Amino acid sequence: MKEFMLIFRQPSYDYSNATPEEMQALSKKWGDWAGGIAAQGKVVAPGRRLDTTGKVLKAGGVITDGPFVEIRERLGSFLIVKADSIEEATTLAHGCPALDANGSVEIRAIL
């Protein structure tokens, strides 16, 4: 089996106006989805949610506010899974709650 990183991106990860009930429902949705993958024995390492701010260091020592100011989605978190192929890893990505928020899941093999 190979390892793949599922990288979660959404246009916004700002939940500062969400009610406690909305946050609980969102946490449950993420937990249920990731728990389903874990129940299959496919989780290698769970990722933690990332801060929405950061810095980007570019060639020549140029530092910009980040992350990834060139794109319209923010990297929110990641999950490392094991699968026989990228197609299987992509199947595991289906149902990710980031997709419900108009986000995306990038699937990349770890070499």
N, C-alpha and C. Protein backbone atom coordinates (compact mmCIF):
# COMPACT_ATOMS: atom_id res chain seq x y z
N MET A 1 0.83 -1.19 0.00
CA MET A 1 0.00 0.00 0.00
C MET A 1 0.87 1.25 0.00
N LYS A 2 0.37 2.26 -0.63
CA LYS A 2 1.04 3.55 -0.67
C LYS A 2 0.37 4.50 0.31
N GLU A 3 1.05 5.60 0.61
CA GLU A 3 0.46 6.63 1.44
C GLU A 3 0.11 7.84 0.58
N PHE A 4 -1.02 8.44 0.90
CA PHE A 4 -1.52 9.60 0.18
C PHE A 4 -1.92 10.67 1.18
N MET A 5 -1.68 11.93 0.80
CA MET A 5 -2.13 13.04 1.64
C MET A 5 -3.39 13.62 1.01
N LEU A 6 -4.44 13.73 1.81
CA LEU A 6 -5.66 14.40 1.40
C LEU A 6 -5.56 15.80 1.99
N ILE A 7 -5.53 16.80 1.12
CA ILE A 7 -5.33 18.19 1.53
C ILE A 7 -6.67 18.92 1.35
N PHE A 8 -7.18 19.50 2.43
CA PHE A 8 -8.50 20.11 2.41
C PHE A 8 -8.38 21.62 2.24
N ARG A 9 -9.09 22.13 1.23
CA ARG A 9 -9.10 23.57 0.97
C ARG A 9 -10.55 24.04 0.89
N GLN A 10 -10.77 25.25 1.39
CA GLN A 10 -12.09 25.88 1.30
C GLN A 10 -11.88 27.37 1.04
N PRO A 11 -12.88 28.01 0.44
CA PRO A 11 -12.76 29.45 0.23
C PRO A 11 -12.57 30.21 1.55
N SER A 12 -13.14 29.71 2.63
CA SER A 12 -13.00 30.36 3.93
C SER A 12 -13.08 29.32 5.03
N TYR A 13 -12.23 29.47 6.01
CA TYR A 13 -12.31 28.64 7.20
C TYR A 13 -12.68 29.52 8.40
N ASP A 14 -13.33 30.65 8.15
CA ASP A 14 -13.70 31.56 9.22
C ASP A 14 -15.06 31.15 9.78
N TYR A 15 -15.02 30.54 10.93
CA TYR A 15 -16.24 30.10 11.58
C TYR A 15 -16.53 30.94 12.82
N SER A 16 -16.00 32.17 12.85
CA SER A 16 -16.15 33.01 14.03
C SER A 16 -17.61 33.39 14.30
N ASN A 17 -18.46 33.37 13.29
CA ASN A 17 -19.87 33.70 13.49
C ASN A 17 -20.75 32.47 13.64
N ALA A 18 -20.16 31.29 13.62
CA ALA A 18 -20.94 30.07 13.76
C ALA A 18 -21.40 29.90 15.20
N THR A 19 -22.60 29.38 15.35
CA THR A 19 -23.12 29.12 16.69
C THR A 19 -22.43 27.87 17.25
N PRO A 20 -22.47 27.69 18.56
CA PRO A 20 -21.91 26.46 19.13
C PRO A 20 -22.56 25.20 18.54
N GLU A 21 -23.84 25.27 18.25
CA GLU A 21 -24.53 24.12 17.67
C GLU A 21 -24.02 23.83 16.25
N GLU A 22 -23.81 24.90 15.48
CA GLU A 22 -23.27 24.72 14.13
C GLU A 22 -21.86 24.14 14.17
N MET A 23 -21.04 24.60 15.10
CA MET A 23 -19.68 24.07 15.23
C MET A 23 -19.71 22.62 15.67
N GLN A 24 -20.62 22.27 16.56
CA GLN A 24 -20.74 20.88 17.00
C GLN A 24 -21.16 19.99 15.84
N ALA A 25 -22.12 20.46 15.04
CA ALA A 25 -22.57 19.67 13.88
C ALA A 25 -21.45 19.51 12.86
N LEU A 26 -20.68 20.58 12.64
CA LEU A 26 -19.57 20.51 11.70
C LEU A 26 -18.49 19.56 12.21
N SER A 27 -18.17 19.64 13.48
CA SER A 27 -17.17 18.74 14.07
C SER A 27 -17.62 17.29 13.97
N LYS A 28 -18.90 17.05 14.18
CA LYS A 28 -19.43 15.69 14.07
C LYS A 28 -19.32 15.18 12.64
N LYS A 29 -19.64 16.05 11.68
CA LYS A 29 -19.56 15.65 10.27
C LYS A 29 -18.13 15.25 9.90
N TRP A 30 -17.14 16.08 10.31
CA TRP A 30 -15.74 15.76 10.04
C TRP A 30 -15.34 14.48 10.76
N GLY A 31 -15.74 14.35 12.02
CA GLY A 31 -15.40 13.16 12.80
C GLY A 31 -15.99 11.89 12.21
N ASP A 32 -17.23 11.97 11.77
CA ASP A 32 -17.88 10.80 11.17
C ASP A 32 -17.19 10.40 9.88
N TRP A 33 -16.84 11.40 9.05
CA TRP A 33 -16.18 11.10 7.78
C TRP A 33 -14.80 10.49 8.01
N ALA A 34 -13.98 11.15 8.82
CA ALA A 34 -12.63 10.63 9.10
C ALA A 34 -12.69 9.32 9.87
N GLY A 35 -13.68 9.20 10.76
CA GLY A 35 -13.84 7.95 11.51
C GLY A 35 -14.19 6.78 10.61
N GLY A 36 -14.94 7.04 9.56
CA GLY A 36 -15.26 5.99 8.60
C GLY A 36 -14.02 5.48 7.88
N ILE A 37 -13.11 6.38 7.57
CA ILE A 37 -11.85 5.97 6.94
C ILE A 37 -10.99 5.22 7.95
N ALA A 38 -10.94 5.72 9.17
CA ALA A 38 -10.16 5.05 10.23
C ALA A 38 -10.70 3.65 10.50
N ALA A 39 -12.02 3.48 10.45
CA ALA A 39 -12.63 2.17 10.69
C ALA A 39 -12.21 1.15 9.65
N GLN A 40 -11.80 1.63 8.47
CA GLN A 40 -11.32 0.75 7.41
C GLN A 40 -9.83 0.44 7.57
N GLY A 41 -9.20 1.03 8.59
CA GLY A 41 -7.76 0.85 8.80
C GLY A 41 -6.92 1.60 7.79
N LYS A 42 -7.46 2.69 7.25
CA LYS A 42 -6.78 3.41 6.17
C LYS A 42 -6.08 4.69 6.63
N VAL A 43 -6.28 5.13 7.88
CA VAL A 43 -5.66 6.37 8.35
C VAL A 43 -4.24 6.08 8.83
N VAL A 44 -3.28 6.80 8.29
CA VAL A 44 -1.90 6.70 8.72
C VAL A 44 -1.62 7.75 9.79
N ALA A 45 -2.05 8.99 9.52
CA ALA A 45 -1.84 10.08 10.47
C ALA A 45 -2.93 11.12 10.28
N PRO A 46 -3.62 11.46 11.36
CA PRO A 46 -4.61 12.52 11.25
C PRO A 46 -3.92 13.88 11.26
N GLY A 47 -4.38 14.76 10.43
CA GLY A 47 -3.84 16.12 10.44
C GLY A 47 -4.66 16.98 11.38
N ARG A 48 -4.06 18.01 11.88
CA ARG A 48 -4.78 18.95 12.73
C ARG A 48 -5.14 20.18 11.92
N ARG A 49 -6.16 20.86 12.35
CA ARG A 49 -6.58 22.07 11.65
C ARG A 49 -5.47 23.11 11.72
N LEU A 50 -5.24 23.78 10.61
CA LEU A 50 -4.18 24.77 10.52
C LEU A 50 -4.71 26.17 10.74
N ASP A 51 -3.88 27.04 11.27
CA ASP A 51 -4.23 28.44 11.44
C ASP A 51 -4.46 29.05 10.06
N THR A 52 -5.29 30.06 9.99
CA THR A 52 -5.60 30.68 8.70
C THR A 52 -4.57 31.72 8.29
N THR A 53 -3.63 32.04 9.17
CA THR A 53 -2.59 33.00 8.82
C THR A 53 -1.25 32.31 8.76
N GLY A 54 -0.29 32.96 8.15
CA GLY A 54 1.05 32.39 8.06
C GLY A 54 1.92 33.26 7.18
N LYS A 55 3.06 32.76 6.83
CA LYS A 55 4.02 33.44 5.96
C LYS A 55 4.42 32.50 4.84
N VAL A 56 4.82 33.07 3.71
CA VAL A 56 5.33 32.30 2.59
C VAL A 56 6.72 32.82 2.29
N LEU A 57 7.72 31.94 2.31
CA LEU A 57 9.09 32.29 1.97
C LEU A 57 9.31 31.88 0.52
N LYS A 58 9.74 32.82 -0.29
CA LYS A 58 9.98 32.55 -1.71
C LYS A 58 11.47 32.69 -2.00
N ALA A 59 11.85 32.22 -3.17
CA ALA A 59 13.25 32.32 -3.59
C ALA A 59 13.72 33.76 -3.49
N GLY A 60 14.97 33.92 -3.11
CA GLY A 60 15.54 35.26 -2.97
C GLY A 60 15.25 35.89 -1.62
N GLY A 61 14.66 35.12 -0.72
CA GLY A 61 14.39 35.62 0.62
C GLY A 61 13.16 36.49 0.73
N VAL A 62 12.31 36.49 -0.30
CA VAL A 62 11.09 37.29 -0.27
C VAL A 62 10.08 36.61 0.64
N ILE A 63 9.57 37.37 1.61
CA ILE A 63 8.58 36.85 2.55
C ILE A 63 7.29 37.61 2.35
N THR A 64 6.20 36.87 2.17
CA THR A 64 4.88 37.50 2.03
C THR A 64 3.95 36.91 3.07
N ASP A 65 2.88 37.65 3.35
CA ASP A 65 1.84 37.09 4.20
C ASP A 65 1.20 35.94 3.44
N GLY A 66 0.85 34.93 4.14
CA GLY A 66 0.27 33.77 3.49
C GLY A 66 -0.92 33.32 4.29
N PRO A 67 -1.32 32.15 4.07
CA PRO A 67 -0.74 31.22 3.12
C PRO A 67 -1.36 31.34 1.73
N PHE A 68 -0.54 31.14 0.74
CA PHE A 68 -0.97 31.01 -0.65
C PHE A 68 -1.90 32.14 -1.08
N VAL A 69 -1.42 33.36 -1.02
CA VAL A 69 -2.25 34.50 -1.36
C VAL A 69 -2.66 34.50 -2.83
N GLU A 70 -2.03 33.67 -3.66
CA GLU A 70 -2.36 33.64 -5.08
C GLU A 70 -3.64 32.87 -5.37
N ILE A 71 -4.08 32.03 -4.46
CA ILE A 71 -5.27 31.22 -4.72
C ILE A 71 -6.43 31.72 -3.87
N ARG A 72 -7.62 31.31 -4.22
CA ARG A 72 -8.80 31.79 -3.52
C ARG A 72 -9.28 30.79 -2.46
N GLU A 73 -8.56 29.74 -2.24
CA GLU A 73 -8.92 28.78 -1.22
C GLU A 73 -7.85 28.75 -0.15
N ARG A 74 -8.24 28.43 1.05
CA ARG A 74 -7.28 28.31 2.14
C ARG A 74 -7.08 26.85 2.48
N LEU A 75 -5.84 26.52 2.75
CA LEU A 75 -5.51 25.19 3.21
C LEU A 75 -5.96 25.09 4.66
N GLY A 76 -6.84 24.14 4.94
CA GLY A 76 -7.40 24.05 6.28
C GLY A 76 -6.80 22.95 7.12
N SER A 77 -6.54 21.80 6.50
CA SER A 77 -6.01 20.67 7.24
C SER A 77 -5.62 19.59 6.22
N PHE A 78 -5.28 18.44 6.75
CA PHE A 78 -4.90 17.33 5.89
C PHE A 78 -5.10 16.03 6.66
N LEU A 79 -5.05 14.93 5.93
CA LEU A 79 -5.16 13.59 6.49
C LEU A 79 -4.26 12.70 5.65
N ILE A 80 -3.47 11.87 6.28
CA ILE A 80 -2.64 10.92 5.54
C ILE A 80 -3.31 9.56 5.63
N VAL A 81 -3.56 8.98 4.46
CA VAL A 81 -4.24 7.69 4.37
C VAL A 81 -3.37 6.71 3.61
N LYS A 82 -3.71 5.44 3.73
CA LYS A 82 -3.04 4.43 2.91
C LYS A 82 -4.06 3.81 1.97
N ALA A 83 -3.62 3.58 0.75
CA ALA A 83 -4.49 3.02 -0.29
C ALA A 83 -3.62 2.34 -1.32
N ASP A 84 -4.22 1.45 -2.09
CA ASP A 84 -3.49 0.73 -3.13
C ASP A 84 -3.20 1.59 -4.35
N SER A 85 -4.00 2.64 -4.56
CA SER A 85 -3.84 3.47 -5.75
C SER A 85 -4.40 4.87 -5.48
N ILE A 86 -4.08 5.78 -6.37
CA ILE A 86 -4.63 7.13 -6.23
C ILE A 86 -6.14 7.11 -6.43
N GLU A 87 -6.62 6.18 -7.23
CA GLU A 87 -8.07 6.06 -7.42
C GLU A 87 -8.75 5.66 -6.11
N GLU A 88 -8.15 4.72 -5.37
CA GLU A 88 -8.73 4.34 -4.08
C GLU A 88 -8.66 5.50 -3.09
N ALA A 89 -7.54 6.22 -3.07
CA ALA A 89 -7.41 7.38 -2.18
C ALA A 89 -8.45 8.45 -2.54
N THR A 90 -8.72 8.62 -3.82
CA THR A 90 -9.74 9.57 -4.26
C THR A 90 -11.12 9.13 -3.79
N THR A 91 -11.38 7.85 -3.84
CA THR A 91 -12.65 7.33 -3.33
C THR A 91 -12.79 7.62 -1.84
N LEU A 92 -11.70 7.48 -1.08
CA LEU A 92 -11.75 7.80 0.34
C LEU A 92 -12.07 9.28 0.58
N ALA A 93 -11.66 10.14 -0.33
CA ALA A 93 -11.88 11.58 -0.19
C ALA A 93 -13.34 11.97 -0.39
N HIS A 94 -14.11 11.13 -1.09
CA HIS A 94 -15.53 11.43 -1.28
C HIS A 94 -16.22 11.56 0.07
N GLY A 95 -17.11 12.50 0.19
CA GLY A 95 -17.83 12.72 1.43
C GLY A 95 -17.14 13.68 2.38
N CYS A 96 -15.98 14.19 1.99
CA CYS A 96 -15.26 15.14 2.84
C CYS A 96 -16.11 16.38 3.06
N PRO A 97 -16.27 16.83 4.30
CA PRO A 97 -17.08 18.02 4.58
C PRO A 97 -16.58 19.29 3.90
N ALA A 98 -15.32 19.37 3.53
CA ALA A 98 -14.84 20.55 2.81
C ALA A 98 -15.60 20.72 1.50
N LEU A 99 -16.02 19.63 0.89
CA LEU A 99 -16.75 19.69 -0.36
C LEU A 99 -18.11 20.34 -0.18
N ASP A 100 -18.71 20.16 1.00
CA ASP A 100 -20.01 20.78 1.30
C ASP A 100 -19.91 22.30 1.37
N ALA A 101 -18.72 22.81 1.65
CA ALA A 101 -18.51 24.25 1.79
C ALA A 101 -17.87 24.83 0.53
N ASN A 102 -18.10 24.16 -0.60
CA ASN A 102 -17.57 24.62 -1.89
C ASN A 102 -16.05 24.55 -1.95
N GLY A 103 -15.47 23.65 -1.17
CA GLY A 103 -14.03 23.48 -1.14
C GLY A 103 -13.57 22.35 -2.03
N SER A 104 -12.36 21.90 -1.79
CA SER A 104 -11.78 20.83 -2.59
C SER A 104 -10.89 19.95 -1.73
N VAL A 105 -10.62 18.78 -2.24
CA VAL A 105 -9.67 17.86 -1.61
C VAL A 105 -8.63 17.52 -2.66
N GLU A 106 -7.39 17.85 -2.37
CA GLU A 106 -6.29 17.49 -3.26
C GLU A 106 -5.72 16.18 -2.77
N ILE A 107 -5.52 15.23 -3.67
CA ILE A 107 -5.00 13.91 -3.32
C ILE A 107 -3.61 13.80 -3.92
N ARG A 108 -2.61 13.59 -3.06
CA ARG A 108 -1.22 13.51 -3.53
C ARG A 108 -0.54 12.31 -2.91
N ALA A 109 0.18 11.55 -3.73
CA ALA A 109 0.98 10.44 -3.23
C ALA A 109 2.16 10.99 -2.44
N ILE A 110 2.50 10.31 -1.38
CA ILE A 110 3.68 10.65 -0.59
C ILE A 110 4.79 9.72 -1.06
N LEU A 111 5.87 10.29 -1.53
CA LEU A 111 6.96 9.50 -2.09
C LEU A 111 7.99 9.13 -1.05
